[in-house]
């Protein structure tokens, strides 16, 4: 009888021991699930969303779950971020954000650069700035935002000179030097690619260049670089800029895997905007 009692006690101990071992992984899994951070990121449908989709894959390896919220206009992503409907957004450049912050009082901060869809200078007649001759006819977009950006590109390339510190607000009236006496025509941005054969050169928006079959990184003889102030940014509420989730999100965008994705996926129409 004593022998049976001892054996029974040993078996019971073994069963409880196994139960304890079996319970440990379940607890660990629960802890791991609890450690997974979730962040809502607003963006625009199309190329911007494609970048965030890739970031979502990379972030999952870092323990961050990105929930993508797509918008169809340029106003709502900042409004949604400011009102805490989302935690971050990626769709705009810093001058655009700065205007929203100034006009609407948003407490939103840019925490890093993401991707640039560069504006460039194209021609079917010349291949470099050195080939520009007097009295050439060129075209730039006629809307204030893109027109100012186009003039900045020409100023940076030393084709013209603008008033000091005028920046993206420049108009043709702000040109202080035009050494080649260029005839600058302001044209609807969508029309410029079709006009290119009749122009000496033109500054063309990224989207219209790509739609017309041009490859910005290959076909433009002057192209904005990764240091452009018009690169897209990752923005968060100012109070959240130092949160661990914000850091993980930025790391999920600024990495070599993303650089390769941008190079392969966009095929020269976009470039990474960080070093």
C-alpha atoms as a PDB file:
ATOM      1  CA  UNK A   1       0.000   0.000   0.000  1.00  0.00           C
ATOM      2  CA  UNK A   2       2.817   2.396   0.943  1.00  0.00           C
ATOM      3  CA  UNK A   3       4.557   1.606  -2.316  1.00  0.00           C
ATOM      4  CA  UNK A   4       1.380   2.441  -4.284  1.00  0.00           C
ATOM      5  CA  UNK A   5       0.959   5.743  -2.437  1.00  0.00           C
ATOM      6  CA  UNK A   6       4.527   6.779  -3.246  1.00  0.00           C
ATOM      7  CA  UNK A   7       4.115   5.914  -6.929  1.00  0.00           C
ATOM      8  CA  UNK A   8       0.817   7.835  -7.045  1.00  0.00           C
ATOM      9  CA  UNK A   9       2.401  10.899  -5.514  1.00  0.00           C
ATOM     10  CA  UNK A  10       5.246  10.794  -8.005  1.00  0.00           C
ATOM     11  CA  UNK A  11       2.835  10.488 -10.934  1.00  0.00           C
ATOM     12  CA  UNK A  12       0.739  13.401  -9.669  1.00  0.00           C
ATOM     13  CA  UNK A  13       3.853  15.503  -9.290  1.00  0.00           C
ATOM     14  CA  UNK A  14       4.882  14.659 -12.831  1.00  0.00           C
ATOM     15  CA  UNK A  15       1.445  15.584 -14.213  1.00  0.00           C
ATOM     16  CA  UNK A  16       1.427  18.945 -12.438  1.00  0.00           C
ATOM     17  CA  UNK A  17       4.981  19.546 -13.609  1.00  0.00           C
ATOM     18  CA  UNK A  18       4.010  18.890 -17.212  1.00  0.00           C
ATOM     19  CA  UNK A  19       0.982  21.115 -16.881  1.00  0.00           C
ATOM     20  CA  UNK A  20       3.221  23.888 -15.614  1.00  0.00           C
ATOM     21  CA  UNK A  21       5.591  23.459 -18.537  1.00  0.00           C
ATOM     22  CA  UNK A  22       2.703  23.397 -20.984  1.00  0.00           C
ATOM     23  CA  UNK A  23       1.291  26.625 -19.563  1.00  0.00           C
ATOM     24  CA  UNK A  24       4.504  28.607 -19.877  1.00  0.00           C
ATOM     25  CA  UNK A  25       4.496  29.034 -23.673  1.00  0.00           C
ATOM     26  CA  UNK A  26       0.882  30.222 -23.614  1.00  0.00           C
ATOM     27  CA  UNK A  27       1.853  32.950 -21.173  1.00  0.00           C
ATOM     28  CA  UNK A  28       4.837  33.903 -23.316  1.00  0.00           C
ATOM     29  CA  UNK A  29       2.687  34.095 -26.449  1.00  0.00           C
ATOM     30  CA  UNK A  30       0.195  36.318 -24.666  1.00  0.00           C
ATOM     31  CA  UNK A  31       2.994  38.594 -23.526  1.00  0.00           C
ATOM     32  CA  UNK A  32       4.380  38.741 -27.065  1.00  0.00           C
ATOM     33  CA  UNK A  33       0.981  39.653 -28.463  1.00  0.00           C
ATOM     34  CA  UNK A  34       0.552  42.361 -25.840  1.00  0.00           C
ATOM     35  CA  UNK A  35       3.968  43.801 -26.774  1.00  0.00           C
ATOM     36  CA  UNK A  36       2.917  44.331 -30.408  1.00  0.00           C
ATOM     37  CA  UNK A  37       2.401  48.065 -30.952  1.00  0.00           C
ATOM     38  CA  UNK A  38      -0.308  49.396 -33.262  1.00  0.00           C
ATOM     39  CA  UNK A  39      -0.156  52.690 -35.126  1.00  0.00           C
ATOM     40  CA  UNK A  40      -2.598  54.216 -37.625  1.00  0.00           C
ATOM     41  CA  UNK A  41      -0.935  55.910 -40.582  1.00  0.00           C
ATOM     42  CA  UNK A  42      -2.845  58.130 -42.989  1.00  0.00           C
ATOM     43  CA  UNK A  43      -1.810  58.452 -46.615  1.00  0.00           C
ATOM     44  CA  UNK A  44      -3.162  59.001 -50.121  1.00  0.00           C
ATOM     45  CA  UNK A  45      -4.309  56.237 -52.423  1.00  0.00           C
ATOM     46  CA  UNK A  46      -1.721  55.360 -55.052  1.00  0.00           C
ATOM     47  CA  UNK A  47       2.089  55.615 -54.796  1.00  0.00           C
ATOM     48  CA  UNK A  48       2.080  56.940 -51.227  1.00  0.00           C
ATOM     49  CA  UNK A  49      -0.066  54.029 -50.059  1.00  0.00           C
ATOM     50  CA  UNK A  50       2.276  51.613 -51.842  1.00  0.00           C
ATOM     51  CA  UNK A  51       5.201  52.943 -49.808  1.00  0.00           C
ATOM     52  CA  UNK A  52       3.294  52.527 -46.549  1.00  0.00           C
ATOM     53  CA  UNK A  53       2.240  48.991 -47.564  1.00  0.00           C
ATOM     54  CA  UNK A  54       5.924  48.118 -47.867  1.00  0.00           C
ATOM     55  CA  UNK A  55       6.662  49.852 -44.556  1.00  0.00           C
ATOM     56  CA  UNK A  56       3.917  47.726 -42.973  1.00  0.00           C
ATOM     57  CA  UNK A  57       5.778  44.554 -43.962  1.00  0.00           C
ATOM     58  CA  UNK A  58       9.057  45.864 -42.578  1.00  0.00           C
ATOM     59  CA  UNK A  59       7.421  47.176 -39.382  1.00  0.00           C
ATOM     60  CA  UNK A  60       5.861  43.799 -38.592  1.00  0.00           C
ATOM     61  CA  UNK A  61       9.384  42.403 -38.114  1.00  0.00           C
ATOM     62  CA  UNK A  62      10.025  45.162 -35.582  1.00  0.00           C
ATOM     63  CA  UNK A  63       6.887  44.447 -33.532  1.00  0.00           C
ATOM     64  CA  UNK A  64       4.861  47.307 -34.996  1.00  0.00           C
ATOM     65  CA  UNK A  65       1.469  46.818 -36.628  1.00  0.00           C
ATOM     66  CA  UNK A  66       0.752  49.605 -39.139  1.00  0.00           C
ATOM     67  CA  UNK A  67      -2.913  50.143 -39.884  1.00  0.00           C
ATOM     68  CA  UNK A  68      -3.216  52.088 -43.146  1.00  0.00           C
ATOM     69  CA  UNK A  69      -5.939  54.716 -43.544  1.00  0.00           C
ATOM     70  CA  UNK A  70      -6.283  56.028 -47.108  1.00  0.00           C
ATOM     71  CA  UNK A  71      -7.604  59.490 -48.002  1.00  0.00           C
ATOM     72  CA  UNK A  72      -8.541  61.032 -51.335  1.00  0.00           C
ATOM     73  CA  UNK A  73      -7.719  64.698 -50.704  1.00  0.00           C
ATOM     74  CA  UNK A  74      -4.854  66.765 -49.334  1.00  0.00           C
ATOM     75  CA  UNK A  75      -6.708  68.306 -46.398  1.00  0.00           C
ATOM     76  CA  UNK A  76      -8.163  65.410 -44.422  1.00  0.00           C
ATOM     77  CA  UNK A  77      -4.924  63.570 -43.485  1.00  0.00           C
ATOM     78  CA  UNK A  78      -3.684  66.525 -41.419  1.00  0.00           C
ATOM     79  CA  UNK A  79      -7.128  67.173 -39.964  1.00  0.00           C
ATOM     80  CA  UNK A  80      -7.429  63.511 -38.957  1.00  0.00           C
ATOM     81  CA  UNK A  81      -3.947  63.548 -37.425  1.00  0.00           C
ATOM     82  CA  UNK A  82      -4.588  66.712 -35.465  1.00  0.00           C
ATOM     83  CA  UNK A  83      -7.895  65.347 -34.118  1.00  0.00           C
ATOM     84  CA  UNK A  84      -6.236  62.027 -33.110  1.00  0.00           C
ATOM     85  CA  UNK A  85      -8.163  59.861 -35.566  1.00  0.00           C
ATOM     86  CA  UNK A  86      -4.794  58.624 -36.858  1.00  0.00           C
ATOM     87  CA  UNK A  87      -1.308  58.620 -35.333  1.00  0.00           C
ATOM     88  CA  UNK A  88       0.839  59.705 -38.280  1.00  0.00           C
ATOM     89  CA  UNK A  89       0.635  60.562 -41.946  1.00  0.00           C
ATOM     90  CA  UNK A  90       2.864  60.418 -45.021  1.00  0.00           C
ATOM     91  CA  UNK A  91       1.716  62.230 -48.171  1.00  0.00           C
ATOM     92  CA  UNK A  92       2.956  65.841 -48.109  1.00  0.00           C
ATOM     93  CA  UNK A  93       6.134  67.894 -48.305  1.00  0.00           C
ATOM     94  CA  UNK A  94       7.228  70.219 -45.520  1.00  0.00           C
ATOM     95  CA  UNK A  95       6.220  73.536 -47.158  1.00  0.00           C
ATOM     96  CA  UNK A  96       2.673  72.174 -47.454  1.00  0.00           C
ATOM     97  CA  UNK A  97       2.681  71.088 -43.794  1.00  0.00           C
ATOM     98  CA  UNK A  98       4.147  74.419 -42.700  1.00  0.00           C
ATOM     99  CA  UNK A  99       1.276  76.248 -44.428  1.00  0.00           C
ATOM    100  CA  UNK A 100      -1.305  74.045 -42.703  1.00  0.00           C
ATOM    101  CA  UNK A 101       0.338  74.568 -39.312  1.00  0.00           C
ATOM    102  CA  UNK A 102       0.428  78.326 -39.881  1.00  0.00           C
ATOM    103  CA  UNK A 103      -3.119  78.640 -41.234  1.00  0.00           C
ATOM    104  CA  UNK A 104      -4.907  76.098 -39.046  1.00  0.00           C
ATOM    105  CA  UNK A 105      -2.839  75.984 -35.868  1.00  0.00           C
ATOM    106  CA  UNK A 106      -2.154  72.255 -36.048  1.00  0.00           C
ATOM    107  CA  UNK A 107       0.298  70.833 -33.514  1.00  0.00           C
ATOM    108  CA  UNK A 108       1.969  68.593 -36.076  1.00  0.00           C
ATOM    109  CA  UNK A 109       5.688  67.984 -36.587  1.00  0.00           C
ATOM    110  CA  UNK A 110       7.758  66.440 -39.377  1.00  0.00           C
ATOM    111  CA  UNK A 111      10.006  63.694 -37.971  1.00  0.00           C
ATOM    112  CA  UNK A 112      11.809  62.532 -41.117  1.00  0.00           C
ATOM    113  CA  UNK A 113      12.006  62.474 -44.901  1.00  0.00           C
ATOM    114  CA  UNK A 114      10.513  59.599 -46.867  1.00  0.00           C
ATOM    115  CA  UNK A 115      10.286  59.692 -50.665  1.00  0.00           C
ATOM    116  CA  UNK A 116      10.620  62.278 -53.419  1.00  0.00           C
ATOM    117  CA  UNK A 117       8.676  62.367 -56.667  1.00  0.00           C
ATOM    118  CA  UNK A 118      11.076  64.803 -58.345  1.00  0.00           C
ATOM    119  CA  UNK A 119      10.197  67.608 -60.713  1.00  0.00           C
ATOM    120  CA  UNK A 120      12.635  67.898 -63.583  1.00  0.00           C
ATOM    121  CA  UNK A 121      13.720  69.810 -66.670  1.00  0.00           C
ATOM    122  CA  UNK A 122      13.238  67.951 -69.958  1.00  0.00           C
ATOM    123  CA  UNK A 123      14.060  68.580 -73.597  1.00  0.00           C
ATOM    124  CA  UNK A 124      14.106  66.852 -76.956  1.00  0.00           C
ATOM    125  CA  UNK A 125      16.692  69.313 -78.254  1.00  0.00           C
ATOM    126  CA  UNK A 126      19.373  69.714 -75.594  1.00  0.00           C
ATOM    127  CA  UNK A 127      20.956  67.403 -73.023  1.00  0.00           C
ATOM    128  CA  UNK A 128      22.500  69.748 -70.465  1.00  0.00           C
ATOM    129  CA  UNK A 129      22.406  73.252 -69.025  1.00  0.00           C
ATOM    130  CA  UNK A 130      25.588  74.020 -70.944  1.00  0.00           C
ATOM    131  CA  UNK A 131      23.652  73.713 -74.215  1.00  0.00           C
ATOM    132  CA  UNK A 132      21.152  76.452 -73.353  1.00  0.00           C
ATOM    133  CA  UNK A 133      21.317  79.287 -75.879  1.00  0.00           C
ATOM    134  CA  UNK A 134      19.931  82.798 -76.031  1.00  0.00           C
ATOM    135  CA  UNK A 135      16.245  83.366 -76.753  1.00  0.00           C
ATOM    136  CA  UNK A 136      15.201  79.758 -76.210  1.00  0.00           C
ATOM    137  CA  UNK A 137      11.527  79.111 -75.493  1.00  0.00           C
ATOM    138  CA  UNK A 138      10.698  77.217 -72.313  1.00  0.00           C
ATOM    139  CA  UNK A 139       7.567  76.335 -70.358  1.00  0.00           C
ATOM    140  CA  UNK A 140       6.772  76.058 -66.661  1.00  0.00           C
ATOM    141  CA  UNK A 141       3.483  75.155 -64.895  1.00  0.00           C
ATOM    142  CA  UNK A 142       1.110  78.103 -64.565  1.00  0.00           C
ATOM    143  CA  UNK A 143      -0.260  77.272 -61.099  1.00  0.00           C
ATOM    144  CA  UNK A 144       1.405  79.177 -58.228  1.00  0.00           C
ATOM    145  CA  UNK A 145       2.660  76.145 -56.284  1.00  0.00           C
ATOM    146  CA  UNK A 146       4.276  74.246 -59.145  1.00  0.00           C
ATOM    147  CA  UNK A 147       5.295  77.394 -60.982  1.00  0.00           C
ATOM    148  CA  UNK A 148       7.272  78.610 -57.987  1.00  0.00           C
ATOM    149  CA  UNK A 149       8.852  75.195 -57.576  1.00  0.00           C
ATOM    150  CA  UNK A 150       9.847  75.153 -61.260  1.00  0.00           C
ATOM    151  CA  UNK A 151      11.482  78.571 -60.976  1.00  0.00           C
ATOM    152  CA  UNK A 152      13.386  77.365 -57.900  1.00  0.00           C
ATOM    153  CA  UNK A 153      14.774  74.471 -59.951  1.00  0.00           C
ATOM    154  CA  UNK A 154      15.927  76.832 -62.697  1.00  0.00           C
ATOM    155  CA  UNK A 155      17.450  79.162 -60.112  1.00  0.00           C
ATOM    156  CA  UNK A 156      19.276  76.278 -58.423  1.00  0.00           C
ATOM    157  CA  UNK A 157      20.645  75.196 -61.819  1.00  0.00           C
ATOM    158  CA  UNK A 158      21.823  78.782 -62.421  1.00  0.00           C
ATOM    159  CA  UNK A 159      19.662  79.113 -65.527  1.00  0.00           C
ATOM    160  CA  UNK A 160      18.013  82.201 -64.013  1.00  0.00           C
ATOM    161  CA  UNK A 161      18.368  84.115 -60.759  1.00  0.00           C
ATOM    162  CA  UNK A 162      15.501  84.873 -58.392  1.00  0.00           C
ATOM    163  CA  UNK A 163      15.129  87.444 -55.650  1.00  0.00           C
ATOM    164  CA  UNK A 164      16.867  86.348 -52.475  1.00  0.00           C
ATOM    165  CA  UNK A 165      14.809  84.207 -50.096  1.00  0.00           C
ATOM    166  CA  UNK A 166      11.712  84.200 -52.324  1.00  0.00           C
ATOM    167  CA  UNK A 167      11.577  80.403 -52.394  1.00  0.00           C
ATOM    168  CA  UNK A 168       8.501  78.593 -53.637  1.00  0.00           C
ATOM    169  CA  UNK A 169       6.466  81.811 -53.729  1.00  0.00           C
ATOM    170  CA  UNK A 170       8.404  83.002 -56.757  1.00  0.00           C
ATOM    171  CA  UNK A 171       6.720  84.169 -59.945  1.00  0.00           C
ATOM    172  CA  UNK A 172       8.289  85.225 -63.240  1.00  0.00           C
ATOM    173  CA  UNK A 173       8.188  88.778 -61.875  1.00  0.00           C
ATOM    174  CA  UNK A 174      10.723  87.713 -59.226  1.00  0.00           C
ATOM    175  CA  UNK A 175      13.385  86.848 -61.799  1.00  0.00           C
ATOM    176  CA  UNK A 176      16.266  89.286 -61.330  1.00  0.00           C
ATOM    177  CA  UNK A 177      18.601  87.784 -63.941  1.00  0.00           C
ATOM    178  CA  UNK A 178      17.782  85.989 -67.185  1.00  0.00           C
ATOM    179  CA  UNK A 179      21.190  85.854 -68.890  1.00  0.00           C
ATOM    180  CA  UNK A 180      19.979  83.864 -71.905  1.00  0.00           C
ATOM    181  CA  UNK A 181      16.894  86.051 -72.391  1.00  0.00           C
ATOM    182  CA  UNK A 182      14.694  82.964 -72.223  1.00  0.00           C
ATOM    183  CA  UNK A 183      11.072  83.285 -73.243  1.00  0.00           C
ATOM    184  CA  UNK A 184       9.247  81.696 -70.318  1.00  0.00           C
ATOM    185  CA  UNK A 185       5.729  80.526 -71.066  1.00  0.00           C
ATOM    186  CA  UNK A 186       3.396  79.666 -68.193  1.00  0.00           C
ATOM    187  CA  UNK A 187       1.243  76.746 -69.267  1.00  0.00           C
ATOM    188  CA  UNK A 188      -1.226  74.306 -67.710  1.00  0.00           C
ATOM    189  CA  UNK A 189       0.972  71.590 -66.201  1.00  0.00           C
ATOM    190  CA  UNK A 190      -0.896  68.759 -67.910  1.00  0.00           C
ATOM    191  CA  UNK A 191      -0.273  70.285 -71.350  1.00  0.00           C
ATOM    192  CA  UNK A 192       3.500  70.698 -71.106  1.00  0.00           C
ATOM    193  CA  UNK A 193       4.594  67.130 -72.002  1.00  0.00           C
ATOM    194  CA  UNK A 194       2.613  67.306 -75.272  1.00  0.00           C
ATOM    195  CA  UNK A 195       4.187  70.670 -76.074  1.00  0.00           C
ATOM    196  CA  UNK A 196       7.748  69.463 -75.480  1.00  0.00           C
ATOM    197  CA  UNK A 197       8.585  68.882 -79.204  1.00  0.00           C
ATOM    198  CA  UNK A 198       7.805  72.557 -79.900  1.00  0.00           C
ATOM    199  CA  UNK A 199       9.783  73.868 -76.922  1.00  0.00           C
ATOM    200  CA  UNK A 200      13.491  74.113 -76.311  1.00  0.00           C
ATOM    201  CA  UNK A 201      13.043  72.745 -72.808  1.00  0.00           C
ATOM    202  CA  UNK A 202      10.438  72.649 -70.046  1.00  0.00           C
ATOM    203  CA  UNK A 203       9.956  72.008 -66.343  1.00  0.00           C
ATOM    204  CA  UNK A 204       7.465  69.170 -65.954  1.00  0.00           C
ATOM    205  CA  UNK A 205       5.627  67.842 -62.887  1.00  0.00           C
ATOM    206  CA  UNK A 206       6.599  64.316 -61.897  1.00  0.00           C
ATOM    207  CA  UNK A 207       3.150  62.788 -62.409  1.00  0.00           C
ATOM    208  CA  UNK A 208       2.654  64.300 -65.884  1.00  0.00           C
ATOM    209  CA  UNK A 209       6.185  63.358 -66.928  1.00  0.00           C
ATOM    210  CA  UNK A 210       5.627  59.733 -65.932  1.00  0.00           C
ATOM    211  CA  UNK A 211       2.214  59.586 -67.619  1.00  0.00           C
ATOM    212  CA  UNK A 212       3.800  60.792 -70.855  1.00  0.00           C
ATOM    213  CA  UNK A 213       6.417  58.019 -70.778  1.00  0.00           C
ATOM    214  CA  UNK A 214       9.331  60.030 -69.387  1.00  0.00           C
ATOM    215  CA  UNK A 215      11.575  58.525 -66.704  1.00  0.00           C
ATOM    216  CA  UNK A 216      12.640  61.367 -64.392  1.00  0.00           C
ATOM    217  CA  UNK A 217      15.929  59.862 -63.200  1.00  0.00           C
ATOM    218  CA  UNK A 218      16.894  59.005 -66.791  1.00  0.00           C
ATOM    219  CA  UNK A 219      15.352  61.654 -69.052  1.00  0.00           C
ATOM    220  CA  UNK A 220      15.566  64.906 -67.064  1.00  0.00           C
ATOM    221  CA  UNK A 221      18.777  66.902 -67.568  1.00  0.00           C
ATOM    222  CA  UNK A 222      18.071  68.795 -64.336  1.00  0.00           C
ATOM    223  CA  UNK A 223      16.333  66.917 -61.520  1.00  0.00           C
ATOM    224  CA  UNK A 224      15.529  67.644 -57.889  1.00  0.00           C
ATOM    225  CA  UNK A 225      17.667  65.599 -55.505  1.00  0.00           C
ATOM    226  CA  UNK A 226      17.082  63.920 -52.154  1.00  0.00           C
ATOM    227  CA  UNK A 227      17.902  67.217 -50.434  1.00  0.00           C
ATOM    228  CA  UNK A 228      14.849  68.884 -51.982  1.00  0.00           C
ATOM    229  CA  UNK A 229      12.517  70.596 -49.551  1.00  0.00           C
ATOM    230  CA  UNK A 230       9.681  69.102 -51.584  1.00  0.00           C
ATOM    231  CA  UNK A 231      10.378  65.523 -50.514  1.00  0.00           C
ATOM    232  CA  UNK A 232       7.551  63.787 -48.682  1.00  0.00           C
ATOM    233  CA  UNK A 233       7.776  63.680 -44.914  1.00  0.00           C
ATOM    234  CA  UNK A 234       6.502  61.532 -42.075  1.00  0.00           C
ATOM    235  CA  UNK A 235       4.418  63.705 -39.746  1.00  0.00           C
ATOM    236  CA  UNK A 236       3.046  63.077 -36.262  1.00  0.00           C
ATOM    237  CA  UNK A 237       1.447  65.142 -33.537  1.00  0.00           C
ATOM    238  CA  UNK A 238       4.148  67.182 -31.844  1.00  0.00           C
ATOM    239  CA  UNK A 239       3.413  65.542 -28.501  1.00  0.00           C
ATOM    240  CA  UNK A 240       4.150  62.105 -30.032  1.00  0.00           C
ATOM    241  CA  UNK A 241       7.392  62.869 -31.860  1.00  0.00           C
ATOM    242  CA  UNK A 242       9.571  61.089 -29.282  1.00  0.00           C
ATOM    243  CA  UNK A 243       7.339  58.038 -28.767  1.00  0.00           C
ATOM    244  CA  UNK A 244       8.908  54.592 -29.368  1.00  0.00           C
ATOM    245  CA  UNK A 245       6.199  53.836 -31.946  1.00  0.00           C
ATOM    246  CA  UNK A 246       7.172  56.937 -33.909  1.00  0.00           C
ATOM    247  CA  UNK A 247      10.801  55.864 -33.941  1.00  0.00           C
ATOM    248  CA  UNK A 248       9.869  52.359 -35.106  1.00  0.00           C
ATOM    249  CA  UNK A 249       7.646  53.760 -37.841  1.00  0.00           C
ATOM    250  CA  UNK A 250      10.399  56.022 -39.167  1.00  0.00           C
ATOM    251  CA  UNK A 251      12.884  53.130 -39.055  1.00  0.00           C
ATOM    252  CA  UNK A 252      10.408  51.062 -41.075  1.00  0.00           C
ATOM    253  CA  UNK A 253      10.593  53.661 -43.842  1.00  0.00           C
ATOM    254  CA  UNK A 254      14.207  54.812 -43.693  1.00  0.00           C
ATOM    255  CA  UNK A 255      16.136  51.608 -44.396  1.00  0.00           C
ATOM    256  CA  UNK A 256      17.978  49.824 -47.189  1.00  0.00           C
ATOM    257  CA  UNK A 257      15.113  47.436 -47.898  1.00  0.00           C
ATOM    258  CA  UNK A 258      12.849  50.404 -48.590  1.00  0.00           C
ATOM    259  CA  UNK A 259      15.504  52.015 -50.800  1.00  0.00           C
ATOM    260  CA  UNK A 260      15.584  48.900 -52.957  1.00  0.00           C
ATOM    261  CA  UNK A 261      11.794  48.796 -53.071  1.00  0.00           C
ATOM    262  CA  UNK A 262      11.582  52.418 -54.247  1.00  0.00           C
ATOM    263  CA  UNK A 263      14.236  51.792 -56.896  1.00  0.00           C
ATOM    264  CA  UNK A 264      12.614  48.609 -58.225  1.00  0.00           C
ATOM    265  CA  UNK A 265       8.938  49.474 -57.800  1.00  0.00           C
ATOM    266  CA  UNK A 266       8.892  53.039 -59.113  1.00  0.00           C
ATOM    267  CA  UNK A 267      11.450  52.415 -61.873  1.00  0.00           C
ATOM    268  CA  UNK A 268      13.050  55.849 -61.806  1.00  0.00           C
ATOM    269  CA  UNK A 269       9.966  57.961 -61.106  1.00  0.00           C
ATOM    270  CA  UNK A 270      10.795  58.339 -57.401  1.00  0.00           C
ATOM    271  CA  UNK A 271      13.884  58.422 -55.221  1.00  0.00           C
ATOM    272  CA  UNK A 272      14.542  57.820 -51.504  1.00  0.00           C
ATOM    273  CA  UNK A 273      14.771  61.135 -49.676  1.00  0.00           C
ATOM    274  CA  UNK A 274      17.095  60.202 -46.833  1.00  0.00           C
ATOM    275  CA  UNK A 275      20.796  59.309 -46.619  1.00  0.00           C
END
